[in-house]
C-alpha atoms as a PDB file:
ATOM      1  CA  MET A   1      32.393   5.101  73.243  1.00  0.00           C
ATOM      2  CA  THR A   2      33.689   8.247  71.525  1.00  0.00           C
ATOM      3  CA  LYS A   3      31.223  11.132  71.681  1.00  0.00           C
ATOM      4  CA  ILE A   4      30.971  13.257  68.551  1.00  0.00           C
ATOM      5  CA  ASP A   5      30.108  16.934  68.938  1.00  0.00           C
ATOM      6  CA  THR A   6      27.013  17.336  66.796  1.00  0.00           C
ATOM      7  CA  ARG A   7      26.376  21.015  67.582  1.00  0.00           C
ATOM      8  CA  PRO A   8      28.203  22.376  64.443  1.00  0.00           C
ATOM      9  CA  TYR A   9      25.778  20.546  62.233  1.00  0.00           C
ATOM     10  CA  ARG A  10      22.541  21.706  63.916  1.00  0.00           C
ATOM     11  CA  VAL A  11      20.658  24.462  62.176  1.00  0.00           C
ATOM     12  CA  ALA A  12      19.522  27.121  64.578  1.00  0.00           C
ATOM     13  CA  PRO A  13      15.869  28.292  64.381  1.00  0.00           C
ATOM     14  CA  ASN A  14      15.304  31.173  61.957  1.00  0.00           C
ATOM     15  CA  GLN A  15      18.905  30.980  60.806  1.00  0.00           C
ATOM     16  CA  THR A  16      19.693  32.284  57.387  1.00  0.00           C
ATOM     17  CA  VAL A  17      21.228  29.253  55.626  1.00  0.00           C
ATOM     18  CA  LYS A  18      23.462  29.638  52.573  1.00  0.00           C
ATOM     19  CA  LEU A  19      24.599  26.141  51.904  1.00  0.00           C
ATOM     20  CA  LYS A  20      27.726  27.234  50.095  1.00  0.00           C
ATOM     21  CA  HIS A  21      29.014  28.193  53.504  1.00  0.00           C
ATOM     22  CA  TRP A  22      28.136  24.879  55.110  1.00  0.00           C
ATOM     23  CA  PRO A  23      30.774  22.114  54.691  1.00  0.00           C
ATOM     24  CA  THR A  24      30.145  18.946  52.691  1.00  0.00           C
ATOM     25  CA  ALA A  25      33.252  17.411  54.143  1.00  0.00           C
ATOM     26  CA  VAL A  26      35.056  17.650  57.534  1.00  0.00           C
ATOM     27  CA  THR A  27      38.049  16.053  59.088  1.00  0.00           C
ATOM     28  CA  PRO A  28      37.394  12.339  59.511  1.00  0.00           C
ATOM     29  CA  LEU A  29      35.819  11.455  62.846  1.00  0.00           C
ATOM     30  CA  TYR A  30      37.696   8.115  62.863  1.00  0.00           C
ATOM     31  CA  SER A  31      41.358   7.172  62.535  1.00  0.00           C
ATOM     32  CA  ASP A  32      40.899   4.209  60.174  1.00  0.00           C
ATOM     33  CA  LYS A  33      38.341   1.698  59.005  1.00  0.00           C
ATOM     34  CA  ALA A  34      38.625  -0.408  62.138  1.00  0.00           C
ATOM     35  CA  ASP A  35      38.065   2.637  64.347  1.00  0.00           C
ATOM     36  CA  TYR A  36      35.050   3.650  62.237  1.00  0.00           C
ATOM     37  CA  GLU A  37      33.556   0.194  62.510  1.00  0.00           C
ATOM     38  CA  ALA A  38      34.162   0.084  66.251  1.00  0.00           C
ATOM     39  CA  GLN A  39      32.527   3.440  66.777  1.00  0.00           C
ATOM     40  CA  LEU A  40      29.520   2.597  64.642  1.00  0.00           C
ATOM     41  CA  ALA A  41      29.137  -0.778  66.374  1.00  0.00           C
ATOM     42  CA  GLY A  42      29.098   1.037  69.705  1.00  0.00           C
ATOM     43  CA  HIS A  43      26.432   3.421  68.524  1.00  0.00           C
ATOM     44  CA  ILE A  44      24.359   0.549  67.086  1.00  0.00           C
ATOM     45  CA  GLY A  45      24.569  -1.404  70.331  1.00  0.00           C
ATOM     46  CA  ARG A  46      23.473   1.551  72.453  1.00  0.00           C
ATOM     47  CA  LEU A  47      20.681   2.368  69.965  1.00  0.00           C
ATOM     48  CA  SER A  48      19.366  -1.146  70.331  1.00  0.00           C
ATOM     49  CA  GLU A  49      19.223  -0.738  74.123  1.00  0.00           C
ATOM     50  CA  LEU A  50      17.428   2.596  73.799  1.00  0.00           C
ATOM     51  CA  GLN A  51      14.951   1.225  71.303  1.00  0.00           C
ATOM     52  CA  ASN A  52      14.029  -1.564  73.743  1.00  0.00           C
ATOM     53  CA  LEU A  53      13.502   1.072  76.424  1.00  0.00           C
ATOM     54  CA  LEU A  54      11.459   3.294  74.028  1.00  0.00           C
ATOM     55  CA  TYR A  55       9.167   0.325  73.304  1.00  0.00           C
ATOM     56  CA  ALA A  56       8.795  -0.675  76.951  1.00  0.00           C
ATOM     57  CA  HIS A  57       8.229   2.876  78.186  1.00  0.00           C
ATOM     58  CA  ASN A  58       5.583   3.393  75.437  1.00  0.00           C
ATOM     59  CA  ARG A  59       5.182   7.142  75.915  1.00  0.00           C
ATOM     60  CA  TYR A  60       7.253   8.516  73.075  1.00  0.00           C
ATOM     61  CA  ALA A  61       7.810   7.914  69.366  1.00  0.00           C
ATOM     62  CA  LEU A  62      10.777   8.897  67.206  1.00  0.00           C
ATOM     63  CA  LEU A  63      10.430  10.166  63.660  1.00  0.00           C
ATOM     64  CA  LEU A  64      13.639  10.491  61.623  1.00  0.00           C
ATOM     65  CA  ILE A  65      13.429  12.396  58.330  1.00  0.00           C
ATOM     66  CA  PHE A  66      16.121  12.169  55.634  1.00  0.00           C
ATOM     67  CA  GLN A  67      16.358  14.593  52.750  1.00  0.00           C
ATOM     68  CA  ALA A  68      19.176  14.931  50.251  1.00  0.00           C
ATOM     69  CA  MET A  69      20.108  15.225  46.597  1.00  0.00           C
ATOM     70  CA  ASP A  70      20.371  12.002  44.601  1.00  0.00           C
ATOM     71  CA  ALA A  71      23.267   9.692  45.528  1.00  0.00           C
ATOM     72  CA  ALA A  72      23.918  11.508  48.869  1.00  0.00           C
ATOM     73  CA  GLY A  73      23.657   8.204  50.775  1.00  0.00           C
ATOM     74  CA  LYS A  74      20.262   8.217  52.504  1.00  0.00           C
ATOM     75  CA  ASP A  75      19.692   4.493  51.904  1.00  0.00           C
ATOM     76  CA  GLY A  76      23.179   3.680  53.190  1.00  0.00           C
ATOM     77  CA  VAL A  77      22.762   5.726  56.345  1.00  0.00           C
ATOM     78  CA  ILE A  78      19.459   4.065  57.173  1.00  0.00           C
ATOM     79  CA  LYS A  79      20.849   0.612  56.379  1.00  0.00           C
ATOM     80  CA  HIS A  80      24.026   0.947  58.467  1.00  0.00           C
ATOM     81  CA  VAL A  81      22.821   3.063  61.373  1.00  0.00           C
ATOM     82  CA  MET A  82      19.619   1.090  61.932  1.00  0.00           C
ATOM     83  CA  SER A  83      21.179  -2.334  61.402  1.00  0.00           C
ATOM     84  CA  GLY A  84      20.819  -3.275  65.087  1.00  0.00           C
ATOM     85  CA  VAL A  85      17.291  -2.119  65.538  1.00  0.00           C
ATOM     86  CA  ASN A  86      14.501  -4.619  66.073  1.00  0.00           C
ATOM     87  CA  PRO A  87      12.438  -4.461  62.848  1.00  0.00           C
ATOM     88  CA  GLN A  88       9.230  -4.993  64.842  1.00  0.00           C
ATOM     89  CA  GLY A  89       9.724  -1.540  66.367  1.00  0.00           C
ATOM     90  CA  CYS A  90      10.864   0.342  63.254  1.00  0.00           C
ATOM     91  CA  GLN A  91       9.191   1.288  59.971  1.00  0.00           C
ATOM     92  CA  VAL A  92      10.778   2.900  56.890  1.00  0.00           C
ATOM     93  CA  PHE A  93       8.663   4.796  54.351  1.00  0.00           C
ATOM     94  CA  SER A  94       9.938   6.075  51.026  1.00  0.00           C
ATOM     95  CA  PHE A  95       7.776   8.747  49.430  1.00  0.00           C
ATOM     96  CA  LYS A  96       7.978   9.032  45.681  1.00  0.00           C
ATOM     97  CA  HIS A  97       5.559  10.498  43.123  1.00  0.00           C
ATOM     98  CA  PRO A  98       2.148  10.930  44.818  1.00  0.00           C
ATOM     99  CA  SER A  99      -0.788   8.853  43.651  1.00  0.00           C
ATOM    100  CA  ALA A 100      -4.028  10.269  42.305  1.00  0.00           C
ATOM    101  CA  GLN A 101      -5.699   9.722  45.683  1.00  0.00           C
ATOM    102  CA  GLU A 102      -2.885  11.498  47.500  1.00  0.00           C
ATOM    103  CA  LEU A 103      -3.075  14.460  45.164  1.00  0.00           C
ATOM    104  CA  ASP A 104      -6.713  14.846  46.084  1.00  0.00           C
ATOM    105  CA  HIS A 105      -5.728  15.632  49.689  1.00  0.00           C
ATOM    106  CA  ASP A 106      -3.555  18.316  51.292  1.00  0.00           C
ATOM    107  CA  PHE A 107       0.214  17.901  50.985  1.00  0.00           C
ATOM    108  CA  LEU A 108       0.627  16.555  54.509  1.00  0.00           C
ATOM    109  CA  TRP A 109      -2.053  13.853  54.262  1.00  0.00           C
ATOM    110  CA  ARG A 110      -0.038  10.909  52.879  1.00  0.00           C
ATOM    111  CA  THR A 111       2.833  11.226  55.243  1.00  0.00           C
ATOM    112  CA  THR A 112       0.605  11.771  58.338  1.00  0.00           C
ATOM    113  CA  GLN A 113      -0.834   8.265  57.789  1.00  0.00           C
ATOM    114  CA  CYS A 114       2.646   6.794  58.203  1.00  0.00           C
ATOM    115  CA  LEU A 115       3.606   8.448  61.491  1.00  0.00           C
ATOM    116  CA  PRO A 116       5.108   6.037  64.095  1.00  0.00           C
ATOM    117  CA  GLU A 117       3.071   4.774  67.030  1.00  0.00           C
ATOM    118  CA  ARG A 118       4.241   5.366  70.574  1.00  0.00           C
ATOM    119  CA  GLY A 119       7.155   3.116  71.437  1.00  0.00           C
ATOM    120  CA  ARG A 120       8.308   2.925  67.871  1.00  0.00           C
ATOM    121  CA  ILE A 121      10.750   4.531  65.404  1.00  0.00           C
ATOM    122  CA  GLY A 122       9.589   5.812  62.075  1.00  0.00           C
ATOM    123  CA  ILE A 123      11.879   6.713  59.221  1.00  0.00           C
ATOM    124  CA  PHE A 124      10.923   8.895  56.272  1.00  0.00           C
ATOM    125  CA  ASN A 125      13.195   8.481  53.246  1.00  0.00           C
ATOM    126  CA  ARG A 126      12.145  11.783  51.692  1.00  0.00           C
ATOM    127  CA  SER A 127       9.016  13.282  53.171  1.00  0.00           C
ATOM    128  CA  TYR A 128       6.488  16.130  53.120  1.00  0.00           C
ATOM    129  CA  TYR A 129       9.521  18.368  52.642  1.00  0.00           C
ATOM    130  CA  GLU A 130       9.490  17.340  48.972  1.00  0.00           C
ATOM    131  CA  GLU A 131       6.552  19.768  48.731  1.00  0.00           C
ATOM    132  CA  VAL A 132       8.849  22.768  49.331  1.00  0.00           C
ATOM    133  CA  LEU A 133      11.806  21.324  47.421  1.00  0.00           C
ATOM    134  CA  ILE A 134      11.086  19.538  44.150  1.00  0.00           C
ATOM    135  CA  VAL A 135       7.696  21.266  43.838  1.00  0.00           C
ATOM    136  CA  ARG A 136       9.446  24.598  44.292  1.00  0.00           C
ATOM    137  CA  VAL A 137      12.101  23.824  41.718  1.00  0.00           C
ATOM    138  CA  HIS A 138       9.416  22.480  39.353  1.00  0.00           C
ATOM    139  CA  PRO A 139       6.370  24.669  40.074  1.00  0.00           C
ATOM    140  CA  GLU A 140       4.510  23.044  37.190  1.00  0.00           C
ATOM    141  CA  ILE A 141       3.851  20.180  39.608  1.00  0.00           C
ATOM    142  CA  LEU A 142       1.489  22.422  41.513  1.00  0.00           C
ATOM    143  CA  ALA A 143      -0.871  22.340  38.530  1.00  0.00           C
ATOM    144  CA  ALA A 144      -1.481  18.620  39.196  1.00  0.00           C
ATOM    145  CA  GLN A 145      -2.463  19.249  42.854  1.00  0.00           C
ATOM    146  CA  SER A 146      -5.814  20.801  42.000  1.00  0.00           C
ATOM    147  CA  LEU A 147      -5.280  23.626  44.538  1.00  0.00           C
ATOM    148  CA  PRO A 148      -7.561  26.623  44.594  1.00  0.00           C
ATOM    149  CA  LYS A 149      -5.956  29.580  42.884  1.00  0.00           C
ATOM    150  CA  GLU A 150      -5.568  31.623  46.045  1.00  0.00           C
ATOM    151  CA  ALA A 151      -3.582  28.744  47.647  1.00  0.00           C
ATOM    152  CA  ALA A 152      -1.251  28.111  44.793  1.00  0.00           C
ATOM    153  CA  ARG A 153       0.174  31.621  44.298  1.00  0.00           C
ATOM    154  CA  ALA A 154       3.957  31.809  44.438  1.00  0.00           C
ATOM    155  CA  PRO A 155       5.850  33.035  46.377  1.00  0.00           C
ATOM    156  CA  LYS A 156       3.142  33.132  49.086  1.00  0.00           C
ATOM    157  CA  ILE A 157       2.621  29.378  49.038  1.00  0.00           C
ATOM    158  CA  TRP A 158       6.119  28.521  50.318  1.00  0.00           C
ATOM    159  CA  PRO A 159       6.058  30.390  53.666  1.00  0.00           C
ATOM    160  CA  GLU A 160       2.492  29.131  54.165  1.00  0.00           C
ATOM    161  CA  ARG A 161       3.706  25.569  53.701  1.00  0.00           C
ATOM    162  CA  PHE A 162       6.636  26.176  56.054  1.00  0.00           C
ATOM    163  CA  GLU A 163       4.087  27.353  58.643  1.00  0.00           C
ATOM    164  CA  SER A 164       1.903  24.280  58.136  1.00  0.00           C
ATOM    165  CA  ILE A 165       4.953  22.032  58.597  1.00  0.00           C
ATOM    166  CA  ASN A 166       6.026  23.849  61.754  1.00  0.00           C
ATOM    167  CA  HIS A 167       2.552  23.557  63.256  1.00  0.00           C
ATOM    168  CA  LEU A 168       2.481  19.831  62.469  1.00  0.00           C
ATOM    169  CA  GLU A 169       5.911  19.183  64.053  1.00  0.00           C
ATOM    170  CA  ARG A 170       4.996  21.234  67.111  1.00  0.00           C
ATOM    171  CA  HIS A 171       1.796  19.193  67.453  1.00  0.00           C
ATOM    172  CA  LEU A 172       3.727  15.936  67.166  1.00  0.00           C
ATOM    173  CA  HIS A 173       6.270  17.023  69.797  1.00  0.00           C
ATOM    174  CA  VAL A 174       3.573  18.026  72.315  1.00  0.00           C
ATOM    175  CA  ASN A 175       1.955  14.602  71.844  1.00  0.00           C
ATOM    176  CA  GLY A 176       5.189  12.623  72.358  1.00  0.00           C
ATOM    177  CA  THR A 177       6.680  12.208  68.904  1.00  0.00           C
ATOM    178  CA  ARG A 178      10.259  13.495  68.731  1.00  0.00           C
ATOM    179  CA  VAL A 179      11.112  14.657  65.203  1.00  0.00           C
ATOM    180  CA  VAL A 180      14.725  14.852  64.038  1.00  0.00           C
ATOM    181  CA  LYS A 181      15.626  15.807  60.477  1.00  0.00           C
ATOM    182  CA  PHE A 182      18.783  15.188  58.544  1.00  0.00           C
ATOM    183  CA  PHE A 183      19.890  16.901  55.310  1.00  0.00           C
ATOM    184  CA  LEU A 184      22.810  14.948  53.863  1.00  0.00           C
ATOM    185  CA  HIS A 185      24.865  17.778  52.406  1.00  0.00           C
ATOM    186  CA  MET A 186      26.895  16.483  49.451  1.00  0.00           C
ATOM    187  CA  SER A 187      28.958  18.515  46.978  1.00  0.00           C
ATOM    188  CA  LYS A 188      28.077  18.573  43.297  1.00  0.00           C
ATOM    189  CA  GLU A 189      31.493  17.027  42.470  1.00  0.00           C
ATOM    190  CA  GLU A 190      30.947  14.190  44.871  1.00  0.00           C
ATOM    191  CA  GLN A 191      27.574  13.504  43.239  1.00  0.00           C
ATOM    192  CA  ARG A 192      29.295  13.356  39.801  1.00  0.00           C
ATOM    193  CA  GLN A 193      31.784  10.839  41.114  1.00  0.00           C
ATOM    194  CA  ARG A 194      29.022   8.660  42.626  1.00  0.00           C
ATOM    195  CA  PHE A 195      27.014   8.749  39.441  1.00  0.00           C
ATOM    196  CA  LEU A 196      30.095   7.635  37.491  1.00  0.00           C
ATOM    197  CA  ALA A 197      30.668   4.838  39.973  1.00  0.00           C
ATOM    198  CA  ARG A 198      27.076   3.653  39.498  1.00  0.00           C
ATOM    199  CA  LEU A 199      27.455   3.679  35.721  1.00  0.00           C
ATOM    200  CA  ALA A 200      30.719   1.670  36.004  1.00  0.00           C
ATOM    201  CA  ASP A 201      29.113  -1.057  38.109  1.00  0.00           C
ATOM    202  CA  PRO A 202      26.555  -3.197  36.257  1.00  0.00           C
ATOM    203  CA  THR A 203      24.910  -4.137  39.551  1.00  0.00           C
ATOM    204  CA  LYS A 204      24.164  -0.474  40.216  1.00  0.00           C
ATOM    205  CA  ASN A 205      23.157   0.687  36.728  1.00  0.00           C
ATOM    206  CA  TRP A 206      19.508   0.352  37.755  1.00  0.00           C
ATOM    207  CA  LYS A 207      19.928   3.142  40.299  1.00  0.00           C
ATOM    208  CA  PHE A 208      20.634   5.718  37.568  1.00  0.00           C
ATOM    209  CA  THR A 209      18.006   7.297  35.362  1.00  0.00           C
ATOM    210  CA  ALA A 210      17.976  10.101  32.837  1.00  0.00           C
ATOM    211  CA  ASP A 211      15.994  12.201  35.391  1.00  0.00           C
ATOM    212  CA  ASP A 212      18.999  12.056  37.730  1.00  0.00           C
ATOM    213  CA  LEU A 213      21.072  13.944  35.123  1.00  0.00           C
ATOM    214  CA  SER A 214      18.365  16.491  34.356  1.00  0.00           C
ATOM    215  CA  GLU A 215      17.793  17.238  38.023  1.00  0.00           C
ATOM    216  CA  ARG A 216      21.525  17.828  38.452  1.00  0.00           C
ATOM    217  CA  GLU A 217      21.172  20.767  36.085  1.00  0.00           C
ATOM    218  CA  HIS A 218      18.921  22.408  38.732  1.00  0.00           C
ATOM    219  CA  TRP A 219      21.559  22.220  41.423  1.00  0.00           C
ATOM    220  CA  PRO A 220      21.654  25.990  42.240  1.00  0.00           C
ATOM    221  CA  ASP A 221      17.853  26.089  42.485  1.00  0.00           C
ATOM    222  CA  TYR A 222      17.813  23.075  44.817  1.00  0.00           C
ATOM    223  CA  MET A 223      20.529  24.589  47.048  1.00  0.00           C
ATOM    224  CA  LYS A 224      18.511  27.743  47.343  1.00  0.00           C
ATOM    225  CA  ALA A 225      15.314  25.838  48.136  1.00  0.00           C
ATOM    226  CA  TYR A 226      17.086  23.594  50.701  1.00  0.00           C
ATOM    227  CA  GLY A 227      18.673  26.638  52.366  1.00  0.00           C
ATOM    228  CA  GLU A 228      15.363  28.452  52.795  1.00  0.00           C
ATOM    229  CA  MET A 229      13.663  25.291  53.960  1.00  0.00           C
ATOM    230  CA  LEU A 230      16.323  24.508  56.576  1.00  0.00           C
ATOM    231  CA  GLY A 231      16.230  28.029  58.039  1.00  0.00           C
ATOM    232  CA  ALA A 232      12.418  28.267  58.063  1.00  0.00           C
ATOM    233  CA  THR A 233      11.654  24.819  59.595  1.00  0.00           C
ATOM    234  CA  SER A 234      14.456  24.039  61.999  1.00  0.00           C
ATOM    235  CA  SER A 235      13.197  24.472  65.552  1.00  0.00           C
ATOM    236  CA  GLU A 236      14.197  23.542  69.118  1.00  0.00           C
ATOM    237  CA  HIS A 237      11.631  20.702  69.118  1.00  0.00           C
ATOM    238  CA  ALA A 238      12.213  19.535  65.537  1.00  0.00           C
ATOM    239  CA  PRO A 239      15.765  20.440  64.547  1.00  0.00           C
ATOM    240  CA  TRP A 240      17.484  20.067  61.215  1.00  0.00           C
ATOM    241  CA  TYR A 241      21.077  18.760  60.976  1.00  0.00           C
ATOM    242  CA  ALA A 242      23.056  19.627  57.833  1.00  0.00           C
ATOM    243  CA  VAL A 243      25.315  16.584  57.800  1.00  0.00           C
ATOM    244  CA  PRO A 244      28.492  16.726  55.705  1.00  0.00           C
ATOM    245  CA  ALA A 245      27.970  13.705  53.411  1.00  0.00           C
ATOM    246  CA  ASP A 246      30.981  13.573  51.017  1.00  0.00           C
ATOM    247  CA  ASP A 247      32.423  11.015  53.469  1.00  0.00           C
ATOM    248  CA  LYS A 248      29.737   8.368  54.013  1.00  0.00           C
ATOM    249  CA  ARG A 249      31.364   7.053  57.167  1.00  0.00           C
ATOM    250  CA  ASN A 250      31.414  10.471  58.814  1.00  0.00           C
ATOM    251  CA  ALA A 251      27.803  10.951  57.887  1.00  0.00           C
ATOM    252  CA  ARG A 252      26.780   7.698  59.484  1.00  0.00           C
ATOM    253  CA  LEU A 253      28.638   8.441  62.706  1.00  0.00           C
ATOM    254  CA  ILE A 254      27.106  11.925  62.984  1.00  0.00           C
ATOM    255  CA  VAL A 255      23.566  10.677  62.314  1.00  0.00           C
ATOM    256  CA  SER A 256      23.859   7.818  64.808  1.00  0.00           C
ATOM    257  CA  GLN A 257      25.226  10.165  67.463  1.00  0.00           C
ATOM    258  CA  VAL A 258      22.326  12.582  67.005  1.00  0.00           C
ATOM    259  CA  ILE A 259      19.808   9.720  67.358  1.00  0.00           C
ATOM    260  CA  LEU A 260      21.493   8.526  70.553  1.00  0.00           C
ATOM    261  CA  GLU A 261      21.380  11.995  72.013  1.00  0.00           C
ATOM    262  CA  THR A 262      17.724  12.420  71.147  1.00  0.00           C
ATOM    263  CA  LEU A 263      16.610   9.130  72.723  1.00  0.00           C
ATOM    264  CA  GLY A 264      18.996   9.533  75.665  1.00  0.00           C
ATOM    265  CA  ALA A 265      17.449  12.889  76.539  1.00  0.00           C
ATOM    266  CA  LEU A 266      14.029  11.313  77.054  1.00  0.00           C
ATOM    267  CA  LYS A 267      12.982  10.519  80.610  1.00  0.00           C
ATOM    268  CA  MET A 268      12.229   6.840  80.063  1.00  0.00           C
ATOM    269  CA  HIS A 269      12.162   3.901  82.357  1.00  0.00           C
ATOM    270  CA  TYR A 270      10.965   0.238  82.280  1.00  0.00           C
ATOM    271  CA  PRO A 271       7.470  -0.292  83.645  1.00  0.00           C
ATOM    272  CA  GLU A 272       7.122  -1.580  87.175  1.00  0.00           C
ATOM    273  CA  PRO A 273       6.688  -5.403  87.262  1.00  0.00           C
ATOM    274  CA  GLY A 274       3.141  -6.710  87.807  1.00  0.00           C
ATOM    275  CA  CYS A 275       4.268  -8.718  90.846  1.00  0.00           C
ATOM    276  CA  THR A 276       5.820  -7.622  94.133  1.00  0.00           C
ATOM    277  CA  ALA A 277       9.397  -8.482  94.962  1.00  0.00           C
ATOM    278  CA  ALA A 278       8.218 -11.262  97.327  1.00  0.00           C
ATOM    279  CA  GLU A 279       5.967 -12.732  94.623  1.00  0.00           C
ATOM    280  CA  LEU A 280       8.811 -12.698  92.117  1.00  0.00           C
ATOM    281  CA  ALA A 281      11.111 -14.443  94.595  1.00  0.00           C
ATOM    282  CA  ALA A 282       8.473 -17.087  95.136  1.00  0.00           C
ATOM    283  CA  ILE A 283       8.039 -17.604  91.406  1.00  0.00           C
ATOM    284  CA  ARG A 284      11.835 -17.908  90.927  1.00  0.00           C
ATOM    285  CA  LYS A 285      11.948 -20.439  93.696  1.00  0.00           C
ATOM    286  CA  LYS A 286       9.152 -22.471  92.256  1.00  0.00           C
ATOM    287  CA  LEU A 287      10.633 -22.408  88.711  1.00  0.00           C
ATOM    288  CA  SER A 288      14.081 -23.470  90.035  1.00  0.00           C
ATOM    289  CA  ARG A 289      12.526 -26.674  91.436  1.00  0.00           C
ATOM    290  CA  THR A 290      10.661 -27.649  88.280  1.00  0.00           C
END
């Protein structure tokens, strides 16, 4: 199985991130469609094996977080990369506009309830990071969160939220949940092409809303917010990967490789059987006669 070097996409802790200097496209990591499919199939097969081991070992959990601009391919990455995973051991949560109940709690409350159990994989399609992205680009959203005045003052609120997130992810790591975060980095031109493709396909018209176009007008603000967020919250124990996403196949191969490396680095083993070797031999012998 071809091993992809994922180091160029990992954001170093406390790194100053200016996304205009980070690529949205790189040389294809596959020679043709057949090679891509073979590589991805290999990754999926190995991921299935590691998921079984994760479940049996039952000491760790894995949380995968996906953030991106609209049409960057989050759903496609999750669908293709996780296609071989046992659904009993994996949960996907998509966080949209918070409910009234959620707004009456701190910004981490609603996602904390959805964290994966030991032995399982959790996927956040968008996450608590929305609170330092869309809320930062649209600060009027803070008014709906009923925060005390001293807690809602910009720009102080953003580094304080970064600190809260870092503390949470450190806590999760210490308690066995491995957190890996992916920013699918797509160019503005690629987004335009994907929006046009959606509009040209009647089966995909439902994916497009007027809000998508209005949010596109805030592209520079989002890139600034993403850059600050990546630099402030990537850590050794909960790294961010800025994945070039103009080529969907490349993005899927990079993401799947990172997941394999994360699970492969865990010291996992299958539990010892409840019977001795002699007892197992006797049971096999008995079963073979009946």
